[in-house]
C-alpha atoms as a PDB file:
ATOM      1  CA  UNK A   1     -11.167   5.033 -41.793  1.00  0.00           C
ATOM      2  CA  UNK A   2      -9.469   2.423 -39.549  1.00  0.00           C
ATOM      3  CA  UNK A   3     -11.489  -0.165 -37.731  1.00  0.00           C
ATOM      4  CA  UNK A   4     -10.573  -1.284 -34.215  1.00  0.00           C
ATOM      5  CA  UNK A   5      -9.576  -4.907 -34.003  1.00  0.00           C
ATOM      6  CA  UNK A   6     -10.813  -7.223 -31.214  1.00  0.00           C
ATOM      7  CA  UNK A   7      -7.277  -7.327 -29.859  1.00  0.00           C
ATOM      8  CA  UNK A   8      -7.254  -3.534 -29.693  1.00  0.00           C
ATOM      9  CA  UNK A   9     -10.587  -3.509 -27.847  1.00  0.00           C
ATOM     10  CA  UNK A  10      -9.272  -5.992 -25.279  1.00  0.00           C
ATOM     11  CA  UNK A  11      -6.063  -4.066 -24.792  1.00  0.00           C
ATOM     12  CA  UNK A  12      -8.015  -0.865 -24.169  1.00  0.00           C
ATOM     13  CA  UNK A  13     -10.092  -2.537 -21.496  1.00  0.00           C
ATOM     14  CA  UNK A  14      -7.273  -4.275 -19.592  1.00  0.00           C
ATOM     15  CA  UNK A  15      -5.676  -2.625 -16.616  1.00  0.00           C
ATOM     16  CA  UNK A  16      -2.793  -0.510 -17.913  1.00  0.00           C
ATOM     17  CA  UNK A  17       0.614  -0.465 -16.345  1.00  0.00           C
ATOM     18  CA  UNK A  18      -0.052   3.064 -15.059  1.00  0.00           C
ATOM     19  CA  UNK A  19      -3.356   1.923 -13.473  1.00  0.00           C
ATOM     20  CA  UNK A  20      -1.599  -0.951 -11.698  1.00  0.00           C
ATOM     21  CA  UNK A  21       1.154   1.406 -10.431  1.00  0.00           C
ATOM     22  CA  UNK A  22      -1.288   4.004  -9.179  1.00  0.00           C
ATOM     23  CA  UNK A  23      -3.507   1.455  -7.381  1.00  0.00           C
ATOM     24  CA  UNK A  24      -0.415  -0.116  -5.741  1.00  0.00           C
ATOM     25  CA  UNK A  25       0.782   3.307  -4.465  1.00  0.00           C
ATOM     26  CA  UNK A  26      -2.706   4.198  -3.209  1.00  0.00           C
ATOM     27  CA  UNK A  27      -3.249   0.830  -1.438  1.00  0.00           C
ATOM     28  CA  UNK A  28       0.202   0.542   0.168  1.00  0.00           C
ATOM     29  CA  UNK A  29       0.035   4.068   1.460  1.00  0.00           C
ATOM     30  CA  UNK A  30      -3.634   4.419   2.411  1.00  0.00           C
ATOM     31  CA  UNK A  31      -4.318   0.981   3.981  1.00  0.00           C
ATOM     32  CA  UNK A  32      -1.827   1.252   6.894  1.00  0.00           C
ATOM     33  CA  UNK A  33      -3.027   4.834   7.562  1.00  0.00           C
ATOM     34  CA  UNK A  34      -6.641   3.701   7.516  1.00  0.00           C
ATOM     35  CA  UNK A  35      -5.934   0.832   9.967  1.00  0.00           C
ATOM     36  CA  UNK A  36      -3.999   3.328  12.199  1.00  0.00           C
ATOM     37  CA  UNK A  37      -6.954   5.706  12.234  1.00  0.00           C
ATOM     38  CA  UNK A  38      -9.300   2.868  13.062  1.00  0.00           C
ATOM     39  CA  UNK A  39      -7.045   1.895  15.979  1.00  0.00           C
ATOM     40  CA  UNK A  40      -6.731   5.459  17.176  1.00  0.00           C
ATOM     41  CA  UNK A  41     -10.420   6.050  17.355  1.00  0.00           C
ATOM     42  CA  UNK A  42     -11.271   2.592  18.707  1.00  0.00           C
ATOM     43  CA  UNK A  43      -8.638   2.738  21.447  1.00  0.00           C
ATOM     44  CA  UNK A  44     -10.426   5.804  22.881  1.00  0.00           C
ATOM     45  CA  UNK A  45     -13.647   3.817  22.935  1.00  0.00           C
ATOM     46  CA  UNK A  46     -11.916   0.996  24.759  1.00  0.00           C
ATOM     47  CA  UNK A  47     -10.343   3.312  27.297  1.00  0.00           C
ATOM     48  CA  UNK A  48     -13.699   4.966  27.970  1.00  0.00           C
ATOM     49  CA  UNK A  49     -15.333   1.635  28.567  1.00  0.00           C
ATOM     50  CA  UNK A  50     -12.625   0.335  30.841  1.00  0.00           C
ATOM     51  CA  UNK A  51     -12.656   3.570  32.889  1.00  0.00           C
ATOM     52  CA  UNK A  52     -16.398   4.196  33.134  1.00  0.00           C
ATOM     53  CA  UNK A  53     -18.040   0.950  31.938  1.00  0.00           C
ATOM     54  CA  UNK A  54     -20.042   2.950  29.449  1.00  0.00           C
ATOM     55  CA  UNK A  55     -19.828   6.156  27.477  1.00  0.00           C
ATOM     56  CA  UNK A  56     -18.755   8.110  30.536  1.00  0.00           C
ATOM     57  CA  UNK A  57     -19.739  11.730  30.299  1.00  0.00           C
ATOM     58  CA  UNK A  58     -21.857  11.162  27.217  1.00  0.00           C
ATOM     59  CA  UNK A  59     -21.075  10.939  23.536  1.00  0.00           C
ATOM     60  CA  UNK A  60     -19.260  14.284  23.302  1.00  0.00           C
ATOM     61  CA  UNK A  61     -15.761  13.022  24.224  1.00  0.00           C
ATOM     62  CA  UNK A  62     -16.220  10.157  21.758  1.00  0.00           C
ATOM     63  CA  UNK A  63     -17.099  12.300  18.784  1.00  0.00           C
ATOM     64  CA  UNK A  64     -13.559  12.806  17.536  1.00  0.00           C
ATOM     65  CA  UNK A  65     -12.604   9.114  18.008  1.00  0.00           C
ATOM     66  CA  UNK A  66     -15.746   8.137  16.097  1.00  0.00           C
ATOM     67  CA  UNK A  67     -14.812  10.456  13.268  1.00  0.00           C
ATOM     68  CA  UNK A  68     -11.387   8.917  13.156  1.00  0.00           C
ATOM     69  CA  UNK A  69     -12.918   5.454  12.909  1.00  0.00           C
ATOM     70  CA  UNK A  70     -15.299   6.638  10.141  1.00  0.00           C
ATOM     71  CA  UNK A  71     -12.362   8.154   8.186  1.00  0.00           C
ATOM     72  CA  UNK A  72     -10.362   4.944   8.520  1.00  0.00           C
ATOM     73  CA  UNK A  73     -13.351   2.918   7.240  1.00  0.00           C
ATOM     74  CA  UNK A  74     -13.919   5.257   4.269  1.00  0.00           C
ATOM     75  CA  UNK A  75     -10.248   4.949   3.310  1.00  0.00           C
ATOM     76  CA  UNK A  76     -10.441   1.166   3.432  1.00  0.00           C
ATOM     77  CA  UNK A  77     -13.509   1.226   1.271  1.00  0.00           C
ATOM     78  CA  UNK A  78     -11.656   3.472  -1.168  1.00  0.00           C
ATOM     79  CA  UNK A  79      -8.875   0.849  -1.357  1.00  0.00           C
ATOM     80  CA  UNK A  80     -11.414  -1.859  -2.193  1.00  0.00           C
ATOM     81  CA  UNK A  81     -12.823   0.360  -4.951  1.00  0.00           C
ATOM     82  CA  UNK A  82      -9.503   0.539  -6.677  1.00  0.00           C
ATOM     83  CA  UNK A  83     -10.104  -3.052  -7.574  1.00  0.00           C
ATOM     84  CA  UNK A  84     -12.394  -1.794 -10.349  1.00  0.00           C
ATOM     85  CA  UNK A  85      -9.338  -0.491 -12.151  1.00  0.00           C
ATOM     86  CA  UNK A  86      -6.730  -3.066 -11.190  1.00  0.00           C
ATOM     87  CA  UNK A  87      -6.164  -5.918  -8.764  1.00  0.00           C
ATOM     88  CA  UNK A  88      -2.571  -4.900  -8.202  1.00  0.00           C
ATOM     89  CA  UNK A  89      -3.241  -2.641  -5.257  1.00  0.00           C
ATOM     90  CA  UNK A  90      -5.161  -5.224  -3.266  1.00  0.00           C
ATOM     91  CA  UNK A  91      -2.514  -7.847  -4.056  1.00  0.00           C
ATOM     92  CA  UNK A  92       0.131  -5.478  -2.755  1.00  0.00           C
ATOM     93  CA  UNK A  93      -1.775  -5.088   0.481  1.00  0.00           C
ATOM     94  CA  UNK A  94      -1.914  -8.869   0.739  1.00  0.00           C
ATOM     95  CA  UNK A  95       1.909  -8.920   0.589  1.00  0.00           C
ATOM     96  CA  UNK A  96       1.977  -6.404   3.426  1.00  0.00           C
ATOM     97  CA  UNK A  97       0.236  -9.013   5.599  1.00  0.00           C
ATOM     98  CA  UNK A  98       3.565 -10.631   6.151  1.00  0.00           C
ATOM     99  CA  UNK A  99       4.459  -7.811   8.606  1.00  0.00           C
ATOM    100  CA  UNK A 100       1.544  -8.181  11.102  1.00  0.00           C
ATOM    101  CA  UNK A 101       1.764 -11.960  10.613  1.00  0.00           C
ATOM    102  CA  UNK A 102       5.385 -11.847  11.869  1.00  0.00           C
ATOM    103  CA  UNK A 103       4.340  -9.910  14.942  1.00  0.00           C
ATOM    104  CA  UNK A 104       1.565 -12.438  15.665  1.00  0.00           C
ATOM    105  CA  UNK A 105       3.950 -15.381  15.322  1.00  0.00           C
ATOM    106  CA  UNK A 106       6.792 -13.894  17.257  1.00  0.00           C
ATOM    107  CA  UNK A 107       5.503 -11.839  20.162  1.00  0.00           C
ATOM    108  CA  UNK A 108       9.020 -10.620  21.029  1.00  0.00           C
ATOM    109  CA  UNK A 109       8.781  -8.280  18.075  1.00  0.00           C
ATOM    110  CA  UNK A 110       5.997  -6.391  19.858  1.00  0.00           C
ATOM    111  CA  UNK A 111       8.343  -5.122  22.568  1.00  0.00           C
ATOM    112  CA  UNK A 112      10.805  -4.042  19.931  1.00  0.00           C
ATOM    113  CA  UNK A 113       8.122  -2.234  17.933  1.00  0.00           C
ATOM    114  CA  UNK A 114       7.169  -0.113  20.900  1.00  0.00           C
ATOM    115  CA  UNK A 115      10.846   0.844  21.291  1.00  0.00           C
ATOM    116  CA  UNK A 116      11.648   1.483  17.666  1.00  0.00           C
ATOM    117  CA  UNK A 117       8.331   2.740  16.279  1.00  0.00           C
ATOM    118  CA  UNK A 118       7.199   4.570  19.441  1.00  0.00           C
ATOM    119  CA  UNK A 119       8.994   7.892  18.572  1.00  0.00           C
ATOM    120  CA  UNK A 120       7.685   7.715  14.970  1.00  0.00           C
ATOM    121  CA  UNK A 121       4.090   6.439  15.094  1.00  0.00           C
ATOM    122  CA  UNK A 122       1.222   7.213  17.470  1.00  0.00           C
ATOM    123  CA  UNK A 123       1.025   4.772  20.341  1.00  0.00           C
ATOM    124  CA  UNK A 124      -2.498   3.720  19.294  1.00  0.00           C
ATOM    125  CA  UNK A 125      -1.202   2.564  15.899  1.00  0.00           C
ATOM    126  CA  UNK A 126       1.198   0.201  17.573  1.00  0.00           C
ATOM    127  CA  UNK A 127      -1.579  -0.952  19.901  1.00  0.00           C
ATOM    128  CA  UNK A 128      -3.461  -1.890  16.711  1.00  0.00           C
ATOM    129  CA  UNK A 129      -0.682  -4.423  16.053  1.00  0.00           C
ATOM    130  CA  UNK A 130      -1.199  -5.880  19.456  1.00  0.00           C
ATOM    131  CA  UNK A 131      -4.954  -6.331  18.845  1.00  0.00           C
ATOM    132  CA  UNK A 132      -4.154  -7.895  15.469  1.00  0.00           C
ATOM    133  CA  UNK A 133      -6.176  -5.345  13.452  1.00  0.00           C
ATOM    134  CA  UNK A 134      -3.828  -5.335  10.390  1.00  0.00           C
ATOM    135  CA  UNK A 135      -3.888  -9.111  10.372  1.00  0.00           C
ATOM    136  CA  UNK A 136      -7.636  -9.071   9.927  1.00  0.00           C
ATOM    137  CA  UNK A 137      -7.617  -6.591   6.992  1.00  0.00           C
ATOM    138  CA  UNK A 138      -4.503  -7.196   5.032  1.00  0.00           C
ATOM    139  CA  UNK A 139      -4.963 -10.877   4.193  1.00  0.00           C
ATOM    140  CA  UNK A 140      -8.689 -10.272   3.362  1.00  0.00           C
ATOM    141  CA  UNK A 141      -7.785  -7.451   0.945  1.00  0.00           C
ATOM    142  CA  UNK A 142      -5.137  -9.592  -0.648  1.00  0.00           C
ATOM    143  CA  UNK A 143      -7.613 -12.409  -1.158  1.00  0.00           C
ATOM    144  CA  UNK A 144      -9.939  -9.916  -2.781  1.00  0.00           C
ATOM    145  CA  UNK A 145      -7.202  -9.026  -5.208  1.00  0.00           C
ATOM    146  CA  UNK A 146      -6.689 -12.658  -6.095  1.00  0.00           C
ATOM    147  CA  UNK A 147     -10.424 -13.100  -6.742  1.00  0.00           C
ATOM    148  CA  UNK A 148     -10.592  -9.997  -8.978  1.00  0.00           C
ATOM    149  CA  UNK A 149      -7.550 -11.100 -10.966  1.00  0.00           C
ATOM    150  CA  UNK A 150      -9.136 -14.545 -11.437  1.00  0.00           C
ATOM    151  CA  UNK A 151     -12.482 -13.064 -12.425  1.00  0.00           C
ATOM    152  CA  UNK A 152     -10.829 -10.834 -15.056  1.00  0.00           C
ATOM    153  CA  UNK A 153      -9.242 -13.914 -16.663  1.00  0.00           C
ATOM    154  CA  UNK A 154     -12.244 -16.246 -16.298  1.00  0.00           C
ATOM    155  CA  UNK A 155     -15.406 -14.157 -16.020  1.00  0.00           C
ATOM    156  CA  UNK A 156     -17.859 -17.000 -16.668  1.00  0.00           C
ATOM    157  CA  UNK A 157     -20.749 -16.947 -14.254  1.00  0.00           C
ATOM    158  CA  UNK A 158     -20.486 -19.731 -11.701  1.00  0.00           C
ATOM    159  CA  UNK A 159     -22.825 -22.650 -11.603  1.00  0.00           C
ATOM    160  CA  UNK A 160     -25.862 -22.389  -9.322  1.00  0.00           C
ATOM    161  CA  UNK A 161     -24.732 -25.259  -7.144  1.00  0.00           C
ATOM    162  CA  UNK A 162     -21.385 -23.552  -6.464  1.00  0.00           C
ATOM    163  CA  UNK A 163     -23.139 -20.306  -5.667  1.00  0.00           C
ATOM    164  CA  UNK A 164     -25.314 -22.030  -3.113  1.00  0.00           C
ATOM    165  CA  UNK A 165     -22.469 -23.852  -1.516  1.00  0.00           C
ATOM    166  CA  UNK A 166     -20.502 -20.656  -1.249  1.00  0.00           C
ATOM    167  CA  UNK A 167     -23.375 -18.916   0.666  1.00  0.00           C
ATOM    168  CA  UNK A 168     -22.936 -21.701   3.264  1.00  0.00           C
ATOM    169  CA  UNK A 169     -19.218 -22.163   3.164  1.00  0.00           C
ATOM    170  CA  UNK A 170     -18.126 -18.487   3.428  1.00  0.00           C
ATOM    171  CA  UNK A 171     -19.750 -17.787   6.839  1.00  0.00           C
ATOM    172  CA  UNK A 172     -18.379 -21.037   8.262  1.00  0.00           C
ATOM    173  CA  UNK A 173     -14.871 -20.352   7.071  1.00  0.00           C
ATOM    174  CA  UNK A 174     -14.875 -16.724   8.176  1.00  0.00           C
ATOM    175  CA  UNK A 175     -16.227 -17.546  11.674  1.00  0.00           C
ATOM    176  CA  UNK A 176     -13.760 -20.351  12.139  1.00  0.00           C
ATOM    177  CA  UNK A 177     -10.918 -18.110  10.858  1.00  0.00           C
ATOM    178  CA  UNK A 178     -11.676 -15.124  13.082  1.00  0.00           C
ATOM    179  CA  UNK A 179     -12.128 -17.349  16.136  1.00  0.00           C
ATOM    180  CA  UNK A 180      -8.808 -18.993  15.612  1.00  0.00           C
ATOM    181  CA  UNK A 181      -7.166 -15.641  14.962  1.00  0.00           C
ATOM    182  CA  UNK A 182      -8.671 -14.175  18.115  1.00  0.00           C
ATOM    183  CA  UNK A 183      -7.547 -17.175  20.155  1.00  0.00           C
ATOM    184  CA  UNK A 184      -4.001 -17.086  18.687  1.00  0.00           C
ATOM    185  CA  UNK A 185      -3.687 -13.305  19.303  1.00  0.00           C
ATOM    186  CA  UNK A 186      -4.914 -13.638  22.882  1.00  0.00           C
ATOM    187  CA  UNK A 187      -2.697 -16.613  23.571  1.00  0.00           C
ATOM    188  CA  UNK A 188       0.406 -15.099  22.012  1.00  0.00           C
ATOM    189  CA  UNK A 189       0.443 -11.322  21.911  1.00  0.00           C
ATOM    190  CA  UNK A 190      -1.778 -10.551  24.951  1.00  0.00           C
ATOM    191  CA  UNK A 191       0.010 -13.098  27.067  1.00  0.00           C
ATOM    192  CA  UNK A 192       3.376 -11.680  26.026  1.00  0.00           C
ATOM    193  CA  UNK A 193       2.504  -8.122  27.039  1.00  0.00           C
ATOM    194  CA  UNK A 194       0.563  -8.913  30.182  1.00  0.00           C
ATOM    195  CA  UNK A 195       2.978 -11.525  31.608  1.00  0.00           C
ATOM    196  CA  UNK A 196       6.183 -10.413  29.800  1.00  0.00           C
ATOM    197  CA  UNK A 197       6.520 -13.862  28.238  1.00  0.00           C
ATOM    198  CA  UNK A 198       7.804 -13.156  24.749  1.00  0.00           C
ATOM    199  CA  UNK A 199       8.717 -16.743  23.717  1.00  0.00           C
ATOM    200  CA  UNK A 200       7.430 -18.391  20.573  1.00  0.00           C
ATOM    201  CA  UNK A 201       4.227 -20.402  21.334  1.00  0.00           C
ATOM    202  CA  UNK A 202       3.612 -23.184  18.804  1.00  0.00           C
ATOM    203  CA  UNK A 203      -0.146 -23.459  19.585  1.00  0.00           C
ATOM    204  CA  UNK A 204      -0.708 -19.717  19.244  1.00  0.00           C
ATOM    205  CA  UNK A 205       1.292 -19.560  16.020  1.00  0.00           C
ATOM    206  CA  UNK A 206      -0.665 -22.518  14.517  1.00  0.00           C
ATOM    207  CA  UNK A 207      -3.933 -20.862  15.447  1.00  0.00           C
ATOM    208  CA  UNK A 208      -2.883 -17.616  13.771  1.00  0.00           C
ATOM    209  CA  UNK A 209      -1.664 -19.310  10.611  1.00  0.00           C
ATOM    210  CA  UNK A 210      -4.710 -21.600  10.253  1.00  0.00           C
ATOM    211  CA  UNK A 211      -7.067 -18.778  11.142  1.00  0.00           C
ATOM    212  CA  UNK A 212      -5.532 -16.507   8.537  1.00  0.00           C
ATOM    213  CA  UNK A 213      -5.817 -19.217   5.870  1.00  0.00           C
ATOM    214  CA  UNK A 214      -9.416 -19.891   6.710  1.00  0.00           C
ATOM    215  CA  UNK A 215     -10.283 -16.178   6.531  1.00  0.00           C
ATOM    216  CA  UNK A 216      -8.614 -15.960   3.144  1.00  0.00           C
ATOM    217  CA  UNK A 217     -10.539 -19.059   1.944  1.00  0.00           C
ATOM    218  CA  UNK A 218     -13.791 -17.447   3.140  1.00  0.00           C
ATOM    219  CA  UNK A 219     -13.159 -14.401   0.952  1.00  0.00           C
ATOM    220  CA  UNK A 220     -11.935 -16.506  -2.002  1.00  0.00           C
ATOM    221  CA  UNK A 221     -15.237 -18.286  -2.086  1.00  0.00           C
ATOM    222  CA  UNK A 222     -16.621 -15.207  -3.842  1.00  0.00           C
ATOM    223  CA  UNK A 223     -14.809 -16.467  -6.972  1.00  0.00           C
ATOM    224  CA  UNK A 224     -17.722 -18.986  -7.372  1.00  0.00           C
ATOM    225  CA  UNK A 225     -20.362 -17.357  -5.115  1.00  0.00           C
ATOM    226  CA  UNK A 226     -20.483 -13.635  -5.712  1.00  0.00           C
ATOM    227  CA  UNK A 227     -22.851 -12.870  -2.844  1.00  0.00           C
ATOM    228  CA  UNK A 228     -21.181 -15.152  -0.306  1.00  0.00           C
ATOM    229  CA  UNK A 229     -19.997 -12.211   1.830  1.00  0.00           C
ATOM    230  CA  UNK A 230     -23.344 -10.534   2.144  1.00  0.00           C
ATOM    231  CA  UNK A 231     -24.692 -12.641   5.012  1.00  0.00           C
ATOM    232  CA  UNK A 232     -21.422 -12.261   7.061  1.00  0.00           C
ATOM    233  CA  UNK A 233     -21.557  -8.563   6.388  1.00  0.00           C
ATOM    234  CA  UNK A 234     -25.120  -8.216   7.649  1.00  0.00           C
ATOM    235  CA  UNK A 235     -24.259 -10.254  10.759  1.00  0.00           C
ATOM    236  CA  UNK A 236     -21.245  -8.066  11.521  1.00  0.00           C
ATOM    237  CA  UNK A 237     -23.305  -4.884  11.165  1.00  0.00           C
ATOM    238  CA  UNK A 238     -25.848  -6.207  13.651  1.00  0.00           C
ATOM    239  CA  UNK A 239     -23.042  -7.236  16.023  1.00  0.00           C
ATOM    240  CA  UNK A 240     -21.359  -3.869  15.651  1.00  0.00           C
ATOM    241  CA  UNK A 241     -24.559  -2.057  16.658  1.00  0.00           C
ATOM    242  CA  UNK A 242     -23.955  -3.451  20.132  1.00  0.00           C
ATOM    243  CA  UNK A 243     -21.088  -1.001  20.474  1.00  0.00           C
ATOM    244  CA  UNK A 244     -23.743   1.337  21.838  1.00  0.00           C
ATOM    245  CA  UNK A 245     -24.169  -1.054  24.729  1.00  0.00           C
ATOM    246  CA  UNK A 246     -20.701  -2.430  25.266  1.00  0.00           C
ATOM    247  CA  UNK A 247     -21.714  -4.286  28.400  1.00  0.00           C
ATOM    248  CA  UNK A 248     -23.728  -6.620  26.212  1.00  0.00           C
ATOM    249  CA  UNK A 249     -20.717  -7.273  23.974  1.00  0.00           C
ATOM    250  CA  UNK A 250     -18.521  -8.286  26.866  1.00  0.00           C
ATOM    251  CA  UNK A 251     -21.248 -10.331  28.545  1.00  0.00           C
ATOM    252  CA  UNK A 252     -22.077 -12.296  25.371  1.00  0.00           C
ATOM    253  CA  UNK A 253     -18.591 -12.696  23.854  1.00  0.00           C
ATOM    254  CA  UNK A 254     -16.466 -12.240  26.920  1.00  0.00           C
ATOM    255  CA  UNK A 255     -17.420 -15.580  28.367  1.00  0.00           C
ATOM    256  CA  UNK A 256     -15.791 -17.541  25.538  1.00  0.00           C
ATOM    257  CA  UNK A 257     -12.485 -18.888  26.852  1.00  0.00           C
ATOM    258  CA  UNK A 258      -9.498 -16.950  25.536  1.00  0.00           C
ATOM    259  CA  UNK A 259     -11.477 -15.669  22.464  1.00  0.00           C
ATOM    260  CA  UNK A 260     -13.426 -13.447  24.784  1.00  0.00           C
ATOM    261  CA  UNK A 261     -10.262 -11.485  25.499  1.00  0.00           C
ATOM    262  CA  UNK A 262     -10.064 -10.169  21.962  1.00  0.00           C
ATOM    263  CA  UNK A 263     -13.408 -10.422  20.071  1.00  0.00           C
ATOM    264  CA  UNK A 264     -15.334  -7.856  22.225  1.00  0.00           C
ATOM    265  CA  UNK A 265     -12.433  -5.397  21.925  1.00  0.00           C
ATOM    266  CA  UNK A 266     -12.183  -5.855  18.145  1.00  0.00           C
ATOM    267  CA  UNK A 267     -15.888  -5.029  17.889  1.00  0.00           C
ATOM    268  CA  UNK A 268     -15.483  -1.858  19.951  1.00  0.00           C
ATOM    269  CA  UNK A 269     -12.420  -0.928  17.935  1.00  0.00           C
ATOM    270  CA  UNK A 270     -14.700  -0.749  14.874  1.00  0.00           C
ATOM    271  CA  UNK A 271     -13.222  -3.769  13.066  1.00  0.00           C
ATOM    272  CA  UNK A 272     -16.619  -5.400  12.615  1.00  0.00           C
ATOM    273  CA  UNK A 273     -18.216  -2.358  10.988  1.00  0.00           C
ATOM    274  CA  UNK A 274     -15.186  -1.869   8.702  1.00  0.00           C
ATOM    275  CA  UNK A 275     -14.936  -5.435   7.486  1.00  0.00           C
ATOM    276  CA  UNK A 276     -18.702  -5.584   6.954  1.00  0.00           C
ATOM    277  CA  UNK A 277     -18.681  -2.470   4.679  1.00  0.00           C
ATOM    278  CA  UNK A 278     -15.608  -3.843   2.880  1.00  0.00           C
ATOM    279  CA  UNK A 279     -17.427  -7.104   2.187  1.00  0.00           C
ATOM    280  CA  UNK A 280     -20.439  -5.268   0.788  1.00  0.00           C
ATOM    281  CA  UNK A 281     -18.426  -2.963  -1.397  1.00  0.00           C
ATOM    282  CA  UNK A 282     -16.283  -5.788  -2.612  1.00  0.00           C
ATOM    283  CA  UNK A 283     -19.464  -7.644  -3.711  1.00  0.00           C
ATOM    284  CA  UNK A 284     -20.383  -4.671  -5.902  1.00  0.00           C
ATOM    285  CA  UNK A 285     -16.785  -4.492  -7.264  1.00  0.00           C
ATOM    286  CA  UNK A 286     -16.838  -8.195  -8.235  1.00  0.00           C
ATOM    287  CA  UNK A 287     -20.082  -7.701 -10.084  1.00  0.00           C
ATOM    288  CA  UNK A 288     -18.673  -4.750 -11.930  1.00  0.00           C
ATOM    289  CA  UNK A 289     -15.400  -6.439 -12.822  1.00  0.00           C
ATOM    290  CA  UNK A 290     -17.203  -9.569 -14.047  1.00  0.00           C
ATOM    291  CA  UNK A 291     -19.631  -7.565 -16.193  1.00  0.00           C
ATOM    292  CA  UNK A 292     -16.784  -5.641 -17.793  1.00  0.00           C
ATOM    293  CA  UNK A 293     -14.738  -8.793 -18.349  1.00  0.00           C
ATOM    294  CA  UNK A 294     -17.701 -10.465 -20.060  1.00  0.00           C
ATOM    295  CA  UNK A 295     -18.036  -7.481 -22.380  1.00  0.00           C
ATOM    296  CA  UNK A 296     -14.348  -7.707 -23.201  1.00  0.00           C
ATOM    297  CA  UNK A 297     -14.697 -11.395 -23.982  1.00  0.00           C
ATOM    298  CA  UNK A 298     -17.677 -10.856 -26.217  1.00  0.00           C
ATOM    299  CA  UNK A 299     -15.809  -8.083 -28.102  1.00  0.00           C
ATOM    300  CA  UNK A 300     -12.807 -10.389 -28.465  1.00  0.00           C
ATOM    301  CA  UNK A 301     -14.975 -13.114 -29.848  1.00  0.00           C
ATOM    302  CA  UNK A 302     -16.664 -10.904 -32.455  1.00  0.00           C
ATOM    303  CA  UNK A 303     -15.725 -11.786 -36.084  1.00  0.00           C
ATOM    304  CA  UNK A 304     -15.114  -8.662 -38.073  1.00  0.00           C
ATOM    305  CA  UNK A 305     -15.567  -8.891 -41.852  1.00  0.00           C
ATOM    306  CA  UNK A 306     -12.352  -8.631 -43.820  1.00  0.00           C
ATOM    307  CA  UNK A 307     -11.991  -6.104 -46.612  1.00  0.00           C
ATOM    308  CA  UNK A 308     -12.483  -7.519 -50.124  1.00  0.00           C
ATOM    309  CA  UNK A 309      -9.376  -8.112 -52.230  1.00  0.00           C
ATOM    310  CA  UNK A 310      -9.368  -6.409 -55.613  1.00  0.00           C
ATOM    311  CA  UNK A 311      -7.087  -7.415 -58.497  1.00  0.00           C
ATOM    312  CA  UNK A 312      -4.248  -5.040 -59.164  1.00  0.00           C
ATOM    313  CA  UNK A 313      -4.947  -2.182 -61.540  1.00  0.00           C
ATOM    314  CA  UNK A 314      -3.733  -2.671 -65.126  1.00  0.00           C
ATOM    315  CA  UNK A 315      -2.434   0.280 -67.135  1.00  0.00           C
ATOM    316  CA  UNK A 316      -4.356   0.868 -70.350  1.00  0.00           C
END
């Protein structure tokens, strides 16, 4: 009876080529659709607020938009869960971030997108580019893929000091990142559409780039501090509950210069709820991947006894 070698055990537990391919296909297809559904449902919420200042005729007209948002969030959560099998899908989504990043850096592309993509995609999906929704999700998911790939290779549990530092650093990095992103989007994309000024703005581009890098760094902190995203997730859930009283959102966040033009709208669009749930699910995924990787390492380090060598038989 053959015995499995340590190398065989490790190979069985690594992500297979098929798993990588499947997760890439799932992530690349589902993530843009999920973001589009989130934008479709959230845009109806925004229109209702701007028209009526509240929920209008009650919650009835907002039922379908809310379901679209919920479906989009569930799909995004499903993409994060694929990280249990392979990091490839999340890494592929990170590569897709170059597309919304180009729109944020060069507002002139927005006008072209409405002309070219308008007959193909729902108008609300293109509006999602204007609000910068993909730019919030795609880099974060890509950073999650990097963390999981790193954890699979080096699953050692981080030192206590690093874990504590991560709990403090992650919220700071994420808040600074989203604020710079919101400022850059408002300064660049919103100004372009509202004033028909589609020139390249260096300050807006710099804010978008630095904000994206800070947001990525905030997620990457989970490499050393697994629970670093829990506090930001809880804060986002609390903030998202204010969607039931949108006047409070605009009165508290709307007064911030430039940033107030985008942050309240992102909350109503459901971005806060979505990213909060993604953070929490990703925390569970990291724990699962690290536990599995540690098992693989222990199996690889097991010394199996070798079979005894007997002298060759001698004919009588």
